[in-house]
Amino acid sequence: MTTKTSHTEPWEISKQSPSGKLRSCYSTDRVRALEAIRSLRQTLDRQEEQCVFGLRMSGMSWADIGEALGTTRQAAHHKFQSTAGLLDKLAEAAGRPVKP
C-alpha cells in the first residue's frame, strides 16, 4: 500500500496553518540563488554608476540620463547624488559645460 503525500511549495500558503502563514523557504538552492541575484545586482549597480559617470563627464545632461534610465532628471540625479556633485565639479574643471 502506497501513501500519497501532498507536495506544497515553500512559498504557498499552508492549508494546515490556521493563521495562513507562509511556509519557510530554507532550500539551499534557493538561498544560493538569492545570493547570486544579490551579487548580480551589486555588479549591475556598479556598471550603471560607471556609465552615468562617463556620460556626465562627456557632457550628457541629467535629463538625458534620466530618459535613458526610464525615469526623470530629478530621480536620476537623486539616485546618483553621492557622486553628482563630484561629477559636476570634475566636468567644470575639465572645461566641459555642465548641463542640468
N, C-alpha and C. Protein backbone atom coordinates (compact mmCIF):
# COMPACT_ATOMS: atom_id res chain seq x y z
N MET A 1 0.83 -1.17 0.00
CA MET A 1 0.00 0.00 0.00
C MET A 1 0.88 1.24 0.00
N THR A 2 0.63 2.14 -0.93
CA THR A 2 1.41 3.37 -1.00
C THR A 2 0.59 4.52 -0.44
N THR A 3 1.30 5.40 0.22
CA THR A 3 0.66 6.57 0.79
C THR A 3 0.96 7.76 -0.10
N LYS A 4 -0.06 8.46 -0.48
CA LYS A 4 0.12 9.63 -1.33
C LYS A 4 0.39 10.84 -0.42
N THR A 5 1.51 11.48 -0.69
CA THR A 5 1.84 12.68 0.08
C THR A 5 1.61 13.89 -0.81
N SER A 6 1.09 14.92 -0.22
CA SER A 6 0.89 16.14 -0.99
C SER A 6 2.17 16.96 -0.95
N HIS A 7 2.41 17.65 -2.03
CA HIS A 7 3.60 18.48 -2.13
C HIS A 7 3.17 19.93 -2.19
N THR A 8 3.66 20.72 -1.27
CA THR A 8 3.36 22.14 -1.24
C THR A 8 4.67 22.90 -1.37
N GLU A 9 4.73 23.81 -2.29
CA GLU A 9 5.93 24.63 -2.44
C GLU A 9 6.10 25.51 -1.19
N PRO A 10 7.33 25.85 -0.84
CA PRO A 10 7.57 26.63 0.38
C PRO A 10 6.87 27.99 0.38
N TRP A 11 6.62 28.56 -0.79
CA TRP A 11 6.01 29.88 -0.83
C TRP A 11 4.48 29.83 -0.83
N GLU A 12 3.93 28.64 -0.94
CA GLU A 12 2.48 28.52 -0.93
C GLU A 12 1.95 28.62 0.50
N ILE A 13 0.76 29.10 0.63
CA ILE A 13 0.15 29.22 1.94
C ILE A 13 -0.21 27.83 2.46
N SER A 14 0.19 27.58 3.67
CA SER A 14 -0.08 26.28 4.28
C SER A 14 -1.56 26.18 4.62
N LYS A 15 -2.18 25.13 4.11
CA LYS A 15 -3.60 24.93 4.37
C LYS A 15 -3.83 24.43 5.80
N GLN A 16 -2.80 23.82 6.41
CA GLN A 16 -2.93 23.34 7.78
C GLN A 16 -2.79 24.46 8.79
N SER A 17 -2.19 25.54 8.41
CA SER A 17 -1.93 26.63 9.34
C SER A 17 -3.16 27.52 9.47
N PRO A 18 -3.72 27.63 10.66
CA PRO A 18 -4.91 28.46 10.82
C PRO A 18 -4.63 29.93 10.54
N SER A 19 -3.41 30.37 10.73
CA SER A 19 -3.11 31.78 10.50
C SER A 19 -2.76 32.06 9.05
N GLY A 20 -2.58 31.02 8.23
CA GLY A 20 -2.28 31.21 6.82
C GLY A 20 -0.87 31.72 6.57
N LYS A 21 0.03 31.50 7.52
CA LYS A 21 1.41 31.98 7.37
C LYS A 21 2.10 31.24 6.23
N LEU A 22 3.03 31.92 5.59
CA LEU A 22 3.81 31.29 4.54
C LEU A 22 4.81 30.33 5.16
N ARG A 23 5.00 29.22 4.48
CA ARG A 23 5.99 28.26 4.95
C ARG A 23 7.39 28.84 4.79
N SER A 24 8.30 28.35 5.58
CA SER A 24 9.69 28.78 5.50
C SER A 24 10.31 28.32 4.20
N CYS A 25 11.27 29.08 3.74
CA CYS A 25 11.95 28.75 2.48
C CYS A 25 13.44 28.57 2.81
N TYR A 26 13.84 27.36 3.16
CA TYR A 26 15.22 27.11 3.57
C TYR A 26 15.99 26.28 2.56
N SER A 27 15.47 26.10 1.39
CA SER A 27 16.15 25.29 0.40
C SER A 27 17.52 25.90 0.10
N THR A 28 18.54 25.09 0.17
CA THR A 28 19.90 25.56 -0.10
C THR A 28 20.02 26.15 -1.49
N ASP A 29 19.37 25.51 -2.47
CA ASP A 29 19.43 26.02 -3.84
C ASP A 29 18.81 27.40 -3.93
N ARG A 30 17.71 27.61 -3.25
CA ARG A 30 17.06 28.92 -3.30
C ARG A 30 17.88 29.98 -2.59
N VAL A 31 18.52 29.60 -1.50
CA VAL A 31 19.40 30.54 -0.79
C VAL A 31 20.56 30.93 -1.69
N ARG A 32 21.16 29.96 -2.35
CA ARG A 32 22.27 30.26 -3.28
C ARG A 32 21.79 31.13 -4.43
N ALA A 33 20.59 30.88 -4.91
CA ALA A 33 20.03 31.70 -5.99
C ALA A 33 19.87 33.14 -5.54
N LEU A 34 19.36 33.34 -4.34
CA LEU A 34 19.22 34.71 -3.81
C LEU A 34 20.57 35.39 -3.65
N GLU A 35 21.56 34.64 -3.20
CA GLU A 35 22.90 35.21 -3.05
C GLU A 35 23.47 35.62 -4.41
N ALA A 36 23.24 34.80 -5.41
CA ALA A 36 23.70 35.11 -6.77
C ALA A 36 22.99 36.34 -7.32
N ILE A 37 21.69 36.44 -7.06
CA ILE A 37 20.93 37.60 -7.52
C ILE A 37 21.45 38.87 -6.85
N ARG A 38 21.72 38.80 -5.55
CA ARG A 38 22.26 39.96 -4.83
C ARG A 38 23.60 40.39 -5.44
N SER A 39 24.44 39.43 -5.73
CA SER A 39 25.75 39.72 -6.32
C SER A 39 25.60 40.37 -7.70
N LEU A 40 24.68 39.85 -8.50
CA LEU A 40 24.43 40.43 -9.82
C LEU A 40 23.93 41.86 -9.71
N ARG A 41 23.03 42.11 -8.76
CA ARG A 41 22.52 43.48 -8.56
C ARG A 41 23.65 44.43 -8.22
N GLN A 42 24.54 44.00 -7.34
CA GLN A 42 25.67 44.85 -6.96
C GLN A 42 26.56 45.15 -8.16
N THR A 43 26.80 44.13 -8.98
CA THR A 43 27.61 44.32 -10.18
C THR A 43 26.93 45.28 -11.14
N LEU A 44 25.63 45.09 -11.36
CA LEU A 44 24.88 45.97 -12.26
C LEU A 44 24.83 47.40 -11.73
N ASP A 45 24.70 47.57 -10.43
CA ASP A 45 24.69 48.91 -9.84
C ASP A 45 26.02 49.62 -10.10
N ARG A 46 27.13 48.90 -9.94
CA ARG A 46 28.45 49.50 -10.20
C ARG A 46 28.59 49.87 -11.68
N GLN A 47 28.13 48.97 -12.56
CA GLN A 47 28.21 49.24 -14.00
C GLN A 47 27.37 50.47 -14.36
N GLU A 48 26.18 50.55 -13.80
CA GLU A 48 25.29 51.68 -14.07
C GLU A 48 25.94 52.98 -13.60
N GLU A 49 26.52 52.96 -12.41
CA GLU A 49 27.18 54.16 -11.88
C GLU A 49 28.36 54.58 -12.75
N GLN A 50 29.13 53.61 -13.24
CA GLN A 50 30.25 53.93 -14.13
C GLN A 50 29.76 54.53 -15.45
N CYS A 51 28.66 54.01 -15.98
CA CYS A 51 28.08 54.56 -17.21
C CYS A 51 27.63 56.00 -16.99
N VAL A 52 26.94 56.23 -15.88
CA VAL A 52 26.47 57.58 -15.57
C VAL A 52 27.67 58.51 -15.42
N PHE A 53 28.69 58.07 -14.74
CA PHE A 53 29.90 58.87 -14.56
C PHE A 53 30.47 59.26 -15.92
N GLY A 54 30.64 58.28 -16.79
CA GLY A 54 31.21 58.56 -18.12
C GLY A 54 30.33 59.48 -18.94
N LEU A 55 29.02 59.28 -18.88
CA LEU A 55 28.11 60.14 -19.64
C LEU A 55 28.12 61.57 -19.12
N ARG A 56 28.15 61.74 -17.80
CA ARG A 56 28.22 63.10 -17.24
C ARG A 56 29.54 63.77 -17.60
N MET A 57 30.63 63.00 -17.57
CA MET A 57 31.93 63.56 -17.93
C MET A 57 31.99 63.95 -19.41
N SER A 58 31.20 63.28 -20.22
CA SER A 58 31.19 63.62 -21.65
C SER A 58 30.19 64.74 -21.95
N GLY A 59 29.47 65.21 -20.91
CA GLY A 59 28.59 66.36 -21.08
C GLY A 59 27.12 66.04 -21.20
N MET A 60 26.72 64.80 -21.03
CA MET A 60 25.30 64.46 -21.14
C MET A 60 24.53 65.05 -19.95
N SER A 61 23.33 65.53 -20.20
CA SER A 61 22.52 66.14 -19.15
C SER A 61 21.85 65.07 -18.28
N TRP A 62 21.45 65.50 -17.09
CA TRP A 62 20.72 64.60 -16.20
C TRP A 62 19.38 64.22 -16.82
N ALA A 63 18.80 65.12 -17.59
CA ALA A 63 17.53 64.81 -18.26
C ALA A 63 17.73 63.66 -19.25
N ASP A 64 18.81 63.70 -20.02
CA ASP A 64 19.08 62.63 -20.98
C ASP A 64 19.41 61.31 -20.27
N ILE A 65 20.15 61.40 -19.17
CA ILE A 65 20.48 60.20 -18.40
C ILE A 65 19.20 59.62 -17.80
N GLY A 66 18.35 60.49 -17.25
CA GLY A 66 17.08 60.04 -16.69
C GLY A 66 16.23 59.34 -17.73
N GLU A 67 16.19 59.92 -18.93
CA GLU A 67 15.41 59.31 -20.01
C GLU A 67 15.96 57.93 -20.37
N ALA A 68 17.28 57.82 -20.44
CA ALA A 68 17.90 56.52 -20.76
C ALA A 68 17.60 55.48 -19.68
N LEU A 69 17.46 55.93 -18.44
CA LEU A 69 17.15 55.03 -17.33
C LEU A 69 15.65 54.80 -17.17
N GLY A 70 14.85 55.50 -17.97
CA GLY A 70 13.41 55.34 -17.88
C GLY A 70 12.81 56.08 -16.70
N THR A 71 13.43 57.18 -16.32
CA THR A 71 12.97 57.95 -15.16
C THR A 71 13.14 59.44 -15.45
N THR A 72 12.96 60.25 -14.44
CA THR A 72 13.09 61.70 -14.62
C THR A 72 14.52 62.15 -14.33
N ARG A 73 14.79 63.40 -14.73
CA ARG A 73 16.08 64.02 -14.44
C ARG A 73 16.31 64.05 -12.93
N GLN A 74 15.28 64.45 -12.20
CA GLN A 74 15.40 64.56 -10.74
C GLN A 74 15.68 63.21 -10.09
N ALA A 75 14.98 62.17 -10.55
CA ALA A 75 15.18 60.84 -9.97
C ALA A 75 16.58 60.32 -10.26
N ALA A 76 17.07 60.55 -11.47
CA ALA A 76 18.43 60.11 -11.82
C ALA A 76 19.46 60.85 -10.97
N HIS A 77 19.28 62.16 -10.84
CA HIS A 77 20.21 62.97 -10.04
C HIS A 77 20.18 62.51 -8.59
N HIS A 78 18.98 62.25 -8.07
CA HIS A 78 18.84 61.81 -6.69
C HIS A 78 19.51 60.44 -6.47
N LYS A 79 19.31 59.52 -7.42
CA LYS A 79 19.89 58.18 -7.29
C LYS A 79 21.41 58.23 -7.22
N PHE A 80 21.99 59.15 -7.97
CA PHE A 80 23.45 59.25 -8.02
C PHE A 80 23.96 60.49 -7.31
N GLN A 81 23.20 60.99 -6.32
CA GLN A 81 23.57 62.22 -5.65
C GLN A 81 24.90 62.15 -4.93
N SER A 82 25.31 60.97 -4.50
CA SER A 82 26.60 60.85 -3.80
C SER A 82 27.76 61.20 -4.72
N THR A 83 27.57 61.00 -6.01
CA THR A 83 28.64 61.33 -6.96
C THR A 83 28.28 62.50 -7.88
N ALA A 84 27.03 62.96 -7.81
CA ALA A 84 26.57 64.02 -8.72
C ALA A 84 27.38 65.30 -8.55
N GLY A 85 27.58 65.73 -7.32
CA GLY A 85 28.35 66.96 -7.08
C GLY A 85 29.78 66.82 -7.57
N LEU A 86 30.40 65.70 -7.29
CA LEU A 86 31.77 65.45 -7.74
C LEU A 86 31.85 65.44 -9.26
N LEU A 87 30.89 64.79 -9.89
CA LEU A 87 30.87 64.73 -11.35
C LEU A 87 30.78 66.13 -11.95
N ASP A 88 29.91 66.95 -11.40
CA ASP A 88 29.74 68.31 -11.92
C ASP A 88 31.02 69.13 -11.74
N LYS A 89 31.68 68.99 -10.59
CA LYS A 89 32.94 69.72 -10.35
C LYS A 89 34.03 69.25 -11.30
N LEU A 90 34.12 67.94 -11.53
CA LEU A 90 35.12 67.41 -12.45
C LEU A 90 34.88 67.90 -13.88
N ALA A 91 33.61 67.92 -14.27
CA ALA A 91 33.27 68.38 -15.62
C ALA A 91 33.63 69.86 -15.77
N GLU A 92 33.33 70.66 -14.77
CA GLU A 92 33.67 72.09 -14.82
C GLU A 92 35.18 72.27 -14.87
N ALA A 93 35.92 71.50 -14.07
CA ALA A 93 37.38 71.61 -14.05
C ALA A 93 37.98 71.20 -15.38
N ALA A 94 37.32 70.28 -16.09
CA ALA A 94 37.81 69.84 -17.38
C ALA A 94 37.39 70.79 -18.50
N GLY A 95 36.65 71.84 -18.13
CA GLY A 95 36.22 72.82 -19.12
C GLY A 95 35.02 72.39 -19.93
N ARG A 96 34.32 71.40 -19.44
CA ARG A 96 33.12 70.94 -20.15
C ARG A 96 31.91 71.63 -19.54
N PRO A 97 31.00 72.05 -20.36
CA PRO A 97 29.80 72.67 -19.80
C PRO A 97 28.98 71.65 -19.02
N VAL A 98 28.47 72.08 -17.89
CA VAL A 98 27.66 71.20 -17.05
C VAL A 98 26.20 71.45 -17.38
N LYS A 99 25.55 70.43 -17.90
CA LYS A 99 24.12 70.55 -18.22
C LYS A 99 23.33 70.06 -17.02
N PRO A 100 22.26 70.77 -16.69
CA PRO A 100 21.44 70.34 -15.54
C PRO A 100 20.78 69.00 -15.78
